[in-house]
Amino acid sequence: MINYDLYKLLKEELKNGSNDLVTRPTGQILRERIERDIGKENDGTVIALDFSKIGIVDYSCADEIVAKVISRLLSGEYGDRYIVLSGLNENQKENIEVALERKELAVMTEMRDKEKILIGSLNKYLSDTLELILKKGKITAKELCETMQLEPNAGGMRLLNLYKKRLVKRSEAVQDGGKVLAYERI
């Protein structure tokens, strides 16, 4: 995992002494910097946007920095990369979550107290499936179907949808002498 310290990026880009992420123009400048940096990362990289040294995050900055970046990630603009948030406090989480929910997006987040949660918008059946993956660490479609008593097609689609939303990673695994796809927490 590669850590993007938003406080450091803010200082490098704006040089204004503030640790707050406020106003859409500020968010746009920081988002463009994040996008340039993401483009330099290898496929498969997990990027943590670190808010731990940031003070206030208003809605317009949350929309620019988090919602737009996640939206572009899901559209494939950044290739095979993953984004998580880290170091959030409750107030930051609230504004970021509103920005994500308005666009029906979700992202894995590690709060300042180290609790790992999903913020944003995700339907119940995908949320339940993600919860199982977080608990187990890694799962195949067959294991998911057996655990949740699902038809094979339903289990496979749930896993694929979580992968497309970049909430889990996917890799090949060997099971019963053959290759299968395994889905794991980020």
N, C-alpha and C. Protein backbone atom coordinates (compact mmCIF):
# COMPACT_ATOMS: atom_id res chain seq x y z
N MET A 1 0.85 -1.18 0.00
CA MET A 1 0.00 0.00 0.00
C MET A 1 0.89 1.24 0.00
N ILE A 2 0.49 2.20 -0.82
CA ILE A 2 1.22 3.46 -0.91
C ILE A 2 0.36 4.55 -0.26
N ASN A 3 0.99 5.33 0.60
CA ASN A 3 0.28 6.36 1.36
C ASN A 3 0.45 7.73 0.70
N TYR A 4 -0.65 8.39 0.38
CA TYR A 4 -0.63 9.77 -0.11
C TYR A 4 -1.04 10.67 1.06
N ASP A 5 -0.07 11.34 1.66
CA ASP A 5 -0.32 12.25 2.77
C ASP A 5 -0.93 13.54 2.20
N LEU A 6 -2.24 13.70 2.38
CA LEU A 6 -2.94 14.85 1.80
C LEU A 6 -2.44 16.18 2.36
N TYR A 7 -2.01 16.19 3.61
CA TYR A 7 -1.45 17.41 4.20
C TYR A 7 -0.18 17.82 3.44
N LYS A 8 0.69 16.86 3.19
CA LYS A 8 1.93 17.13 2.45
C LYS A 8 1.62 17.61 1.04
N LEU A 9 0.67 16.94 0.36
CA LEU A 9 0.31 17.35 -1.00
C LEU A 9 -0.30 18.76 -1.00
N LEU A 10 -1.11 19.06 0.01
CA LEU A 10 -1.72 20.38 0.14
C LEU A 10 -0.64 21.45 0.28
N LYS A 11 0.37 21.18 1.11
CA LYS A 11 1.47 22.14 1.30
C LYS A 11 2.25 22.35 0.00
N GLU A 12 2.51 21.25 -0.71
CA GLU A 12 3.28 21.35 -1.95
C GLU A 12 2.52 22.10 -3.04
N GLU A 13 1.21 21.92 -3.09
CA GLU A 13 0.43 22.52 -4.17
C GLU A 13 -0.02 23.95 -3.86
N LEU A 14 -0.41 24.25 -2.61
CA LEU A 14 -0.99 25.56 -2.30
C LEU A 14 -0.08 26.48 -1.50
N LYS A 15 0.82 25.90 -0.71
CA LYS A 15 1.79 26.69 0.07
C LYS A 15 1.13 27.80 0.90
N ASN A 16 -0.06 27.51 1.48
CA ASN A 16 -0.76 28.57 2.20
C ASN A 16 -0.80 28.38 3.72
N GLY A 17 -0.25 27.31 4.24
CA GLY A 17 -0.19 27.12 5.68
C GLY A 17 -1.42 26.48 6.31
N SER A 18 -2.48 26.32 5.57
CA SER A 18 -3.71 25.74 6.12
C SER A 18 -3.65 24.22 6.08
N ASN A 19 -4.34 23.59 7.04
CA ASN A 19 -4.46 22.13 6.98
C ASN A 19 -5.91 21.73 6.69
N ASP A 20 -6.73 22.70 6.28
CA ASP A 20 -8.13 22.43 5.96
C ASP A 20 -8.32 22.25 4.46
N LEU A 21 -9.20 21.33 4.12
CA LEU A 21 -9.56 21.12 2.73
C LEU A 21 -10.94 21.74 2.51
N VAL A 22 -10.92 23.00 2.07
CA VAL A 22 -12.16 23.73 1.86
C VAL A 22 -12.11 24.44 0.51
N THR A 23 -13.23 24.57 -0.10
CA THR A 23 -13.52 25.18 -1.41
C THR A 23 -13.24 24.20 -2.56
N ARG A 24 -14.08 24.29 -3.57
CA ARG A 24 -13.95 23.43 -4.75
C ARG A 24 -12.63 23.68 -5.49
N PRO A 25 -12.18 24.94 -5.67
CA PRO A 25 -10.89 25.14 -6.36
C PRO A 25 -9.72 24.45 -5.65
N THR A 26 -9.71 24.48 -4.32
CA THR A 26 -8.66 23.78 -3.56
C THR A 26 -8.75 22.28 -3.84
N GLY A 27 -9.97 21.75 -3.79
CA GLY A 27 -10.17 20.33 -4.07
C GLY A 27 -9.73 19.94 -5.47
N GLN A 28 -10.01 20.81 -6.43
CA GLN A 28 -9.64 20.53 -7.82
C GLN A 28 -8.12 20.48 -7.98
N ILE A 29 -7.42 21.43 -7.37
CA ILE A 29 -5.95 21.45 -7.44
C ILE A 29 -5.37 20.17 -6.84
N LEU A 30 -5.88 19.80 -5.67
CA LEU A 30 -5.38 18.60 -5.00
C LEU A 30 -5.74 17.33 -5.78
N ARG A 31 -6.96 17.28 -6.33
CA ARG A 31 -7.37 16.11 -7.13
C ARG A 31 -6.47 15.95 -8.35
N GLU A 32 -6.18 17.04 -9.03
CA GLU A 32 -5.32 16.96 -10.22
C GLU A 32 -3.93 16.44 -9.84
N ARG A 33 -3.42 16.85 -8.69
CA ARG A 33 -2.12 16.35 -8.22
C ARG A 33 -2.22 14.85 -7.92
N ILE A 34 -3.28 14.44 -7.23
CA ILE A 34 -3.48 13.02 -6.91
C ILE A 34 -3.56 12.21 -8.19
N GLU A 35 -4.28 12.71 -9.17
CA GLU A 35 -4.43 11.99 -10.44
C GLU A 35 -3.09 11.85 -11.17
N ARG A 36 -2.27 12.88 -11.15
CA ARG A 36 -0.93 12.78 -11.76
C ARG A 36 -0.12 11.69 -11.07
N ASP A 37 -0.18 11.68 -9.73
CA ASP A 37 0.59 10.70 -8.97
C ASP A 37 0.06 9.28 -9.18
N ILE A 38 -1.25 9.11 -9.21
CA ILE A 38 -1.84 7.78 -9.43
C ILE A 38 -1.37 7.20 -10.76
N GLY A 39 -1.26 8.06 -11.76
CA GLY A 39 -0.82 7.61 -13.08
C GLY A 39 0.57 7.01 -13.08
N LYS A 40 1.38 7.30 -12.07
CA LYS A 40 2.75 6.78 -11.99
C LYS A 40 2.83 5.45 -11.24
N GLU A 41 1.72 5.04 -10.61
CA GLU A 41 1.73 3.81 -9.81
C GLU A 41 1.54 2.58 -10.69
N ASN A 42 2.03 1.45 -10.20
CA ASN A 42 1.89 0.18 -10.92
C ASN A 42 0.47 -0.36 -10.79
N ASP A 43 0.05 -1.15 -11.78
CA ASP A 43 -1.23 -1.84 -11.69
C ASP A 43 -1.24 -2.71 -10.44
N GLY A 44 -2.40 -2.81 -9.82
CA GLY A 44 -2.55 -3.61 -8.60
C GLY A 44 -2.24 -2.85 -7.33
N THR A 45 -1.74 -1.62 -7.44
CA THR A 45 -1.36 -0.83 -6.27
C THR A 45 -2.59 -0.36 -5.51
N VAL A 46 -2.50 -0.44 -4.19
CA VAL A 46 -3.52 0.13 -3.31
C VAL A 46 -2.98 1.47 -2.82
N ILE A 47 -3.76 2.52 -3.05
CA ILE A 47 -3.37 3.88 -2.67
C ILE A 47 -4.25 4.34 -1.53
N ALA A 48 -3.63 4.74 -0.44
CA ALA A 48 -4.36 5.26 0.72
C ALA A 48 -4.29 6.78 0.70
N LEU A 49 -5.44 7.43 0.61
CA LEU A 49 -5.51 8.88 0.75
C LEU A 49 -5.59 9.16 2.25
N ASP A 50 -4.51 9.70 2.80
CA ASP A 50 -4.34 9.85 4.25
C ASP A 50 -4.79 11.24 4.72
N PHE A 51 -5.88 11.26 5.51
CA PHE A 51 -6.46 12.50 6.03
C PHE A 51 -6.01 12.79 7.46
N SER A 52 -5.08 12.04 8.01
CA SER A 52 -4.77 12.13 9.44
C SER A 52 -4.24 13.49 9.89
N LYS A 53 -3.60 14.27 9.01
CA LYS A 53 -3.08 15.58 9.40
C LYS A 53 -3.95 16.72 8.86
N ILE A 54 -5.12 16.35 8.33
CA ILE A 54 -6.04 17.34 7.77
C ILE A 54 -7.05 17.73 8.84
N GLY A 55 -7.45 19.00 8.84
CA GLY A 55 -8.47 19.49 9.76
C GLY A 55 -9.85 19.30 9.16
N ILE A 56 -10.44 20.38 8.71
CA ILE A 56 -11.79 20.36 8.14
C ILE A 56 -11.75 19.88 6.70
N VAL A 57 -12.76 19.10 6.32
CA VAL A 57 -12.99 18.73 4.93
C VAL A 57 -14.42 19.13 4.62
N ASP A 58 -14.60 20.15 3.76
CA ASP A 58 -15.98 20.54 3.44
C ASP A 58 -16.51 19.68 2.29
N TYR A 59 -17.81 19.81 2.05
CA TYR A 59 -18.47 18.97 1.04
C TYR A 59 -17.84 19.15 -0.34
N SER A 60 -17.57 20.40 -0.76
CA SER A 60 -17.07 20.62 -2.11
C SER A 60 -15.69 20.00 -2.31
N CYS A 61 -14.85 20.06 -1.30
CA CYS A 61 -13.53 19.40 -1.38
C CYS A 61 -13.69 17.88 -1.37
N ALA A 62 -14.59 17.39 -0.53
CA ALA A 62 -14.84 15.95 -0.47
C ALA A 62 -15.31 15.44 -1.82
N ASP A 63 -16.16 16.21 -2.48
CA ASP A 63 -16.66 15.83 -3.80
C ASP A 63 -15.52 15.80 -4.81
N GLU A 64 -14.71 16.84 -4.83
CA GLU A 64 -13.59 16.91 -5.79
C GLU A 64 -12.54 15.83 -5.54
N ILE A 65 -12.11 15.70 -4.28
CA ILE A 65 -10.98 14.83 -3.97
C ILE A 65 -11.37 13.36 -3.87
N VAL A 66 -12.51 13.06 -3.26
CA VAL A 66 -12.86 11.67 -3.04
C VAL A 66 -13.88 11.17 -4.08
N ALA A 67 -15.03 11.82 -4.17
CA ALA A 67 -16.08 11.31 -5.06
C ALA A 67 -15.63 11.28 -6.52
N LYS A 68 -14.99 12.34 -7.00
CA LYS A 68 -14.56 12.35 -8.41
C LYS A 68 -13.44 11.34 -8.66
N VAL A 69 -12.52 11.21 -7.71
CA VAL A 69 -11.43 10.24 -7.87
C VAL A 69 -11.99 8.82 -7.88
N ILE A 70 -12.91 8.51 -6.98
CA ILE A 70 -13.51 7.17 -6.95
C ILE A 70 -14.31 6.93 -8.23
N SER A 71 -15.05 7.91 -8.66
CA SER A 71 -15.84 7.78 -9.90
C SER A 71 -14.93 7.49 -11.10
N ARG A 72 -13.83 8.18 -11.19
CA ARG A 72 -12.89 7.98 -12.30
C ARG A 72 -12.17 6.64 -12.18
N LEU A 73 -11.90 6.23 -10.95
CA LEU A 73 -11.31 4.92 -10.72
C LEU A 73 -12.24 3.83 -11.28
N LEU A 74 -13.54 3.94 -10.97
CA LEU A 74 -14.50 2.94 -11.41
C LEU A 74 -14.72 2.96 -12.92
N SER A 75 -14.49 4.10 -13.54
CA SER A 75 -14.66 4.19 -15.00
C SER A 75 -13.44 3.63 -15.73
N GLY A 76 -12.38 3.27 -14.98
CA GLY A 76 -11.20 2.68 -15.59
C GLY A 76 -10.11 3.66 -15.95
N GLU A 77 -10.28 4.93 -15.60
CA GLU A 77 -9.29 5.95 -15.98
C GLU A 77 -7.92 5.72 -15.35
N TYR A 78 -7.86 5.03 -14.20
CA TYR A 78 -6.59 4.84 -13.50
C TYR A 78 -6.05 3.42 -13.65
N GLY A 79 -6.63 2.63 -14.54
CA GLY A 79 -6.16 1.26 -14.71
C GLY A 79 -6.54 0.39 -13.53
N ASP A 80 -5.72 -0.62 -13.28
CA ASP A 80 -6.01 -1.61 -12.24
C ASP A 80 -5.38 -1.18 -10.91
N ARG A 81 -5.96 -0.15 -10.33
CA ARG A 81 -5.48 0.36 -9.05
C ARG A 81 -6.65 0.41 -8.07
N TYR A 82 -6.35 0.59 -6.80
CA TYR A 82 -7.36 0.61 -5.74
C TYR A 82 -7.12 1.82 -4.87
N ILE A 83 -8.21 2.39 -4.34
CA ILE A 83 -8.09 3.54 -3.47
C ILE A 83 -8.85 3.26 -2.18
N VAL A 84 -8.20 3.57 -1.07
CA VAL A 84 -8.83 3.51 0.25
C VAL A 84 -8.59 4.87 0.92
N LEU A 85 -9.36 5.15 1.94
CA LEU A 85 -9.15 6.36 2.73
C LEU A 85 -8.60 5.96 4.08
N SER A 86 -7.77 6.81 4.67
CA SER A 86 -7.24 6.49 6.00
C SER A 86 -7.15 7.75 6.85
N GLY A 87 -7.15 7.54 8.17
CA GLY A 87 -6.96 8.62 9.12
C GLY A 87 -8.12 9.59 9.24
N LEU A 88 -9.33 9.15 8.91
CA LEU A 88 -10.49 10.05 8.99
C LEU A 88 -11.00 10.20 10.42
N ASN A 89 -11.47 11.41 10.74
CA ASN A 89 -12.22 11.60 11.97
C ASN A 89 -13.70 11.62 11.61
N GLU A 90 -14.56 11.67 12.60
CA GLU A 90 -16.01 11.58 12.35
C GLU A 90 -16.54 12.72 11.48
N ASN A 91 -16.07 13.94 11.71
CA ASN A 91 -16.55 15.09 10.92
C ASN A 91 -16.14 14.97 9.46
N GLN A 92 -14.90 14.57 9.21
CA GLN A 92 -14.45 14.37 7.83
C GLN A 92 -15.27 13.27 7.17
N LYS A 93 -15.47 12.18 7.89
CA LYS A 93 -16.23 11.04 7.37
C LYS A 93 -17.62 11.48 6.93
N GLU A 94 -18.26 12.30 7.73
CA GLU A 94 -19.62 12.73 7.44
C GLU A 94 -19.71 13.46 6.10
N ASN A 95 -18.85 14.45 5.86
CA ASN A 95 -18.89 15.20 4.60
C ASN A 95 -18.48 14.35 3.41
N ILE A 96 -17.50 13.49 3.59
CA ILE A 96 -17.07 12.61 2.50
C ILE A 96 -18.18 11.62 2.17
N GLU A 97 -18.83 11.09 3.19
CA GLU A 97 -19.89 10.12 2.96
C GLU A 97 -21.06 10.74 2.19
N VAL A 98 -21.41 11.97 2.49
CA VAL A 98 -22.48 12.66 1.76
C VAL A 98 -22.10 12.78 0.28
N ALA A 99 -20.86 13.18 0.02
CA ALA A 99 -20.40 13.32 -1.37
C ALA A 99 -20.45 11.98 -2.11
N LEU A 100 -20.06 10.90 -1.44
CA LEU A 100 -20.09 9.57 -2.05
C LEU A 100 -21.53 9.10 -2.27
N GLU A 101 -22.38 9.28 -1.27
CA GLU A 101 -23.76 8.81 -1.38
C GLU A 101 -24.51 9.51 -2.49
N ARG A 102 -24.25 10.78 -2.71
CA ARG A 102 -24.94 11.52 -3.78
C ARG A 102 -24.62 10.97 -5.15
N LYS A 103 -23.46 10.33 -5.28
CA LYS A 103 -23.08 9.73 -6.56
C LYS A 103 -23.16 8.21 -6.52
N GLU A 104 -23.74 7.68 -5.45
CA GLU A 104 -23.90 6.24 -5.25
C GLU A 104 -22.57 5.50 -5.37
N LEU A 105 -21.57 6.02 -4.65
CA LEU A 105 -20.24 5.44 -4.62
C LEU A 105 -19.93 4.96 -3.21
N ALA A 106 -18.93 4.10 -3.09
CA ALA A 106 -18.49 3.61 -1.78
C ALA A 106 -16.98 3.41 -1.81
N VAL A 107 -16.36 3.48 -0.62
CA VAL A 107 -14.92 3.27 -0.51
C VAL A 107 -14.61 2.69 0.88
N MET A 108 -13.60 1.84 0.92
CA MET A 108 -13.13 1.30 2.20
C MET A 108 -12.32 2.38 2.90
N THR A 109 -12.52 2.45 4.22
CA THR A 109 -11.92 3.52 5.01
C THR A 109 -11.38 2.99 6.32
N GLU A 110 -10.22 3.50 6.71
CA GLU A 110 -9.70 3.23 8.05
C GLU A 110 -9.78 4.53 8.83
N MET A 111 -10.57 4.50 9.88
CA MET A 111 -10.76 5.69 10.72
C MET A 111 -9.50 5.94 11.55
N ARG A 112 -9.45 7.07 12.23
CA ARG A 112 -8.27 7.39 13.07
C ARG A 112 -8.09 6.40 14.20
N ASP A 113 -9.20 5.79 14.65
CA ASP A 113 -9.10 4.79 15.72
C ASP A 113 -8.76 3.40 15.17
N LYS A 114 -8.41 3.32 13.88
CA LYS A 114 -8.00 2.11 13.17
C LYS A 114 -9.16 1.19 12.79
N GLU A 115 -10.42 1.59 13.09
CA GLU A 115 -11.57 0.80 12.69
C GLU A 115 -11.71 0.87 11.16
N LYS A 116 -11.88 -0.29 10.52
CA LYS A 116 -12.03 -0.34 9.07
C LYS A 116 -13.51 -0.47 8.74
N ILE A 117 -14.01 0.51 7.97
CA ILE A 117 -15.42 0.54 7.62
C ILE A 117 -15.61 0.90 6.15
N LEU A 118 -16.79 0.66 5.66
CA LEU A 118 -17.17 1.08 4.33
C LEU A 118 -17.97 2.36 4.49
N ILE A 119 -17.65 3.38 3.71
CA ILE A 119 -18.49 4.58 3.71
C ILE A 119 -19.01 4.81 2.30
N GLY A 120 -20.18 5.43 2.24
CA GLY A 120 -20.82 5.69 0.97
C GLY A 120 -22.05 4.84 0.81
N SER A 121 -22.37 4.53 -0.43
CA SER A 121 -23.61 3.85 -0.77
C SER A 121 -23.32 2.47 -1.39
N LEU A 122 -23.86 1.43 -0.76
CA LEU A 122 -23.72 0.07 -1.28
C LEU A 122 -24.96 -0.71 -0.85
N ASN A 123 -25.57 -1.43 -1.80
CA ASN A 123 -26.81 -2.13 -1.44
C ASN A 123 -26.52 -3.26 -0.44
N LYS A 124 -27.59 -3.71 0.21
CA LYS A 124 -27.47 -4.65 1.34
C LYS A 124 -26.79 -5.96 0.95
N TYR A 125 -27.19 -6.56 -0.17
CA TYR A 125 -26.60 -7.86 -0.50
C TYR A 125 -25.11 -7.75 -0.81
N LEU A 126 -24.67 -6.66 -1.42
CA LEU A 126 -23.23 -6.48 -1.64
C LEU A 126 -22.53 -6.15 -0.33
N SER A 127 -23.18 -5.37 0.51
CA SER A 127 -22.61 -5.04 1.82
C SER A 127 -22.43 -6.30 2.67
N ASP A 128 -23.42 -7.19 2.65
CA ASP A 128 -23.33 -8.46 3.39
C ASP A 128 -22.19 -9.33 2.85
N THR A 129 -22.05 -9.35 1.53
CA THR A 129 -20.99 -10.14 0.91
C THR A 129 -19.62 -9.55 1.26
N LEU A 130 -19.50 -8.24 1.21
CA LEU A 130 -18.24 -7.58 1.56
C LEU A 130 -17.88 -7.86 3.01
N GLU A 131 -18.86 -7.82 3.88
CA GLU A 131 -18.63 -8.10 5.30
C GLU A 131 -18.03 -9.50 5.49
N LEU A 132 -18.54 -10.46 4.75
CA LEU A 132 -18.01 -11.83 4.82
C LEU A 132 -16.56 -11.88 4.33
N ILE A 133 -16.28 -11.19 3.25
CA ILE A 133 -14.90 -11.16 2.72
C ILE A 133 -13.97 -10.50 3.73
N LEU A 134 -14.42 -9.42 4.34
CA LEU A 134 -13.59 -8.74 5.34
C LEU A 134 -13.29 -9.67 6.52
N LYS A 135 -14.27 -10.47 6.90
CA LYS A 135 -14.10 -11.39 8.02
C LYS A 135 -13.16 -12.54 7.65
N LYS A 136 -13.36 -13.12 6.47
CA LYS A 136 -12.56 -14.28 6.05
C LYS A 136 -11.21 -13.89 5.45
N GLY A 137 -11.13 -12.71 4.88
CA GLY A 137 -9.89 -12.27 4.24
C GLY A 137 -9.88 -12.55 2.75
N LYS A 138 -10.32 -13.75 2.36
CA LYS A 138 -10.30 -14.16 0.96
C LYS A 138 -11.37 -15.21 0.76
N ILE A 139 -12.03 -15.20 -0.42
CA ILE A 139 -13.10 -16.16 -0.67
C ILE A 139 -13.25 -16.41 -2.18
N THR A 140 -13.66 -17.61 -2.53
CA THR A 140 -13.98 -17.93 -3.92
C THR A 140 -15.50 -17.90 -4.08
N ALA A 141 -15.97 -17.92 -5.31
CA ALA A 141 -17.41 -17.93 -5.55
C ALA A 141 -18.06 -19.18 -4.95
N LYS A 142 -17.38 -20.31 -5.09
CA LYS A 142 -17.92 -21.56 -4.53
C LYS A 142 -18.07 -21.45 -3.02
N GLU A 143 -17.05 -20.93 -2.34
CA GLU A 143 -17.11 -20.78 -0.88
C GLU A 143 -18.22 -19.80 -0.47
N LEU A 144 -18.34 -18.72 -1.24
CA LEU A 144 -19.39 -17.74 -0.94
C LEU A 144 -20.77 -18.38 -1.07
N CYS A 145 -20.98 -19.12 -2.15
CA CYS A 145 -22.27 -19.77 -2.39
C CYS A 145 -22.61 -20.77 -1.28
N GLU A 146 -21.61 -21.51 -0.85
CA GLU A 146 -21.83 -22.48 0.22
C GLU A 146 -22.14 -21.78 1.55
N THR A 147 -21.40 -20.72 1.84
CA THR A 147 -21.57 -20.01 3.11
C THR A 147 -22.91 -19.27 3.17
N MET A 148 -23.27 -18.60 2.06
CA MET A 148 -24.48 -17.77 2.07
C MET A 148 -25.68 -18.47 1.43
N GLN A 149 -25.49 -19.71 1.03
CA GLN A 149 -26.55 -20.51 0.40
C GLN A 149 -27.13 -19.78 -0.82
N LEU A 150 -26.25 -19.50 -1.77
CA LEU A 150 -26.62 -18.79 -3.00
C LEU A 150 -26.46 -19.70 -4.21
N GLU A 151 -27.18 -19.37 -5.26
CA GLU A 151 -26.96 -20.03 -6.55
C GLU A 151 -25.59 -19.59 -7.07
N PRO A 152 -24.88 -20.48 -7.79
CA PRO A 152 -23.53 -20.12 -8.28
C PRO A 152 -23.49 -18.80 -9.06
N ASN A 153 -24.47 -18.57 -9.92
CA ASN A 153 -24.47 -17.34 -10.71
C ASN A 153 -24.60 -16.10 -9.81
N ALA A 154 -25.44 -16.17 -8.79
CA ALA A 154 -25.65 -15.03 -7.89
C ALA A 154 -24.37 -14.72 -7.11
N GLY A 155 -23.71 -15.75 -6.60
CA GLY A 155 -22.47 -15.56 -5.86
C GLY A 155 -21.38 -14.95 -6.72
N GLY A 156 -21.24 -15.48 -7.92
CA GLY A 156 -20.22 -14.96 -8.83
C GLY A 156 -20.47 -13.51 -9.20
N MET A 157 -21.74 -13.14 -9.41
CA MET A 157 -22.07 -11.76 -9.76
C MET A 157 -21.80 -10.80 -8.59
N ARG A 158 -22.09 -11.25 -7.39
CA ARG A 158 -21.81 -10.40 -6.21
C ARG A 158 -20.32 -10.09 -6.13
N LEU A 159 -19.51 -11.12 -6.28
CA LEU A 159 -18.06 -10.93 -6.20
C LEU A 159 -17.55 -10.04 -7.33
N LEU A 160 -18.06 -10.28 -8.53
CA LEU A 160 -17.66 -9.46 -9.67
C LEU A 160 -18.05 -7.99 -9.45
N ASN A 161 -19.24 -7.75 -8.92
CA ASN A 161 -19.68 -6.37 -8.68
C ASN A 161 -18.82 -5.68 -7.63
N LEU A 162 -18.45 -6.39 -6.58
CA LEU A 162 -17.56 -5.80 -5.57
C LEU A 162 -16.19 -5.49 -6.17
N TYR A 163 -15.71 -6.36 -7.03
CA TYR A 163 -14.43 -6.13 -7.70
C TYR A 163 -14.53 -4.91 -8.62
N LYS A 164 -15.61 -4.82 -9.39
CA LYS A 164 -15.78 -3.67 -10.29
C LYS A 164 -15.88 -2.36 -9.53
N LYS A 165 -16.39 -2.42 -8.30
CA LYS A 165 -16.47 -1.23 -7.45
C LYS A 165 -15.15 -0.97 -6.73
N ARG A 166 -14.14 -1.80 -6.99
CA ARG A 166 -12.79 -1.69 -6.42
C ARG A 166 -12.80 -1.77 -4.89
N LEU A 167 -13.73 -2.57 -4.36
CA LEU A 167 -13.82 -2.76 -2.91
C LEU A 167 -13.11 -4.04 -2.47
N VAL A 168 -12.78 -4.91 -3.42
CA VAL A 168 -12.01 -6.13 -3.16
C VAL A 168 -11.03 -6.32 -4.31
N LYS A 169 -9.96 -7.05 -4.05
CA LYS A 169 -8.99 -7.42 -5.09
C LYS A 169 -9.33 -8.81 -5.60
N ARG A 170 -8.90 -9.11 -6.80
CA ARG A 170 -9.16 -10.42 -7.39
C ARG A 170 -7.84 -11.03 -7.84
N SER A 171 -7.70 -12.33 -7.58
CA SER A 171 -6.49 -13.05 -7.99
C SER A 171 -6.86 -14.48 -8.33
N GLU A 172 -5.95 -15.18 -8.98
CA GLU A 172 -6.17 -16.59 -9.28
C GLU A 172 -5.71 -17.44 -8.11
N ALA A 173 -6.47 -18.49 -7.84
CA ALA A 173 -6.12 -19.44 -6.79
C ALA A 173 -6.32 -20.85 -7.35
N VAL A 174 -5.67 -21.83 -6.74
CA VAL A 174 -5.85 -23.22 -7.13
C VAL A 174 -6.78 -23.87 -6.12
N GLN A 175 -7.83 -24.51 -6.64
CA GLN A 175 -8.80 -25.18 -5.77
C GLN A 175 -9.27 -26.44 -6.48
N ASP A 176 -9.25 -27.55 -5.78
CA ASP A 176 -9.67 -28.84 -6.34
C ASP A 176 -8.93 -29.14 -7.65
N GLY A 177 -7.65 -28.80 -7.69
CA GLY A 177 -6.82 -29.11 -8.86
C GLY A 177 -6.99 -28.17 -10.03
N GLY A 178 -7.86 -27.18 -9.93
CA GLY A 178 -8.07 -26.23 -11.02
C GLY A 178 -7.91 -24.80 -10.56
N LYS A 179 -7.84 -23.90 -11.53
CA LYS A 179 -7.70 -22.48 -11.21
C LYS A 179 -9.08 -21.85 -11.03
N VAL A 180 -9.21 -21.05 -9.99
CA VAL A 180 -10.44 -20.30 -9.73
C VAL A 180 -10.06 -18.88 -9.35
N LEU A 181 -11.02 -17.98 -9.43
CA LEU A 181 -10.78 -16.61 -8.99
C LEU A 181 -11.09 -16.51 -7.50
N ALA A 182 -10.21 -15.83 -6.81
CA ALA A 182 -10.39 -15.56 -5.38
C ALA A 182 -10.50 -14.06 -5.20
N TYR A 183 -11.36 -13.67 -4.28
CA TYR A 183 -11.58 -12.25 -4.01
C TYR A 183 -11.16 -11.99 -2.58
N GLU A 184 -10.38 -10.91 -2.38
CA GLU A 184 -9.85 -10.65 -1.05
C GLU A 184 -9.98 -9.19 -0.66
N ARG A 185 -9.96 -8.98 0.65
CA ARG A 185 -10.07 -7.61 1.15
C ARG A 185 -8.84 -6.82 0.74
N ILE A 186 -9.05 -5.54 0.65
CA ILE A 186 -7.96 -4.63 0.28
C ILE A 186 -7.14 -4.33 1.53
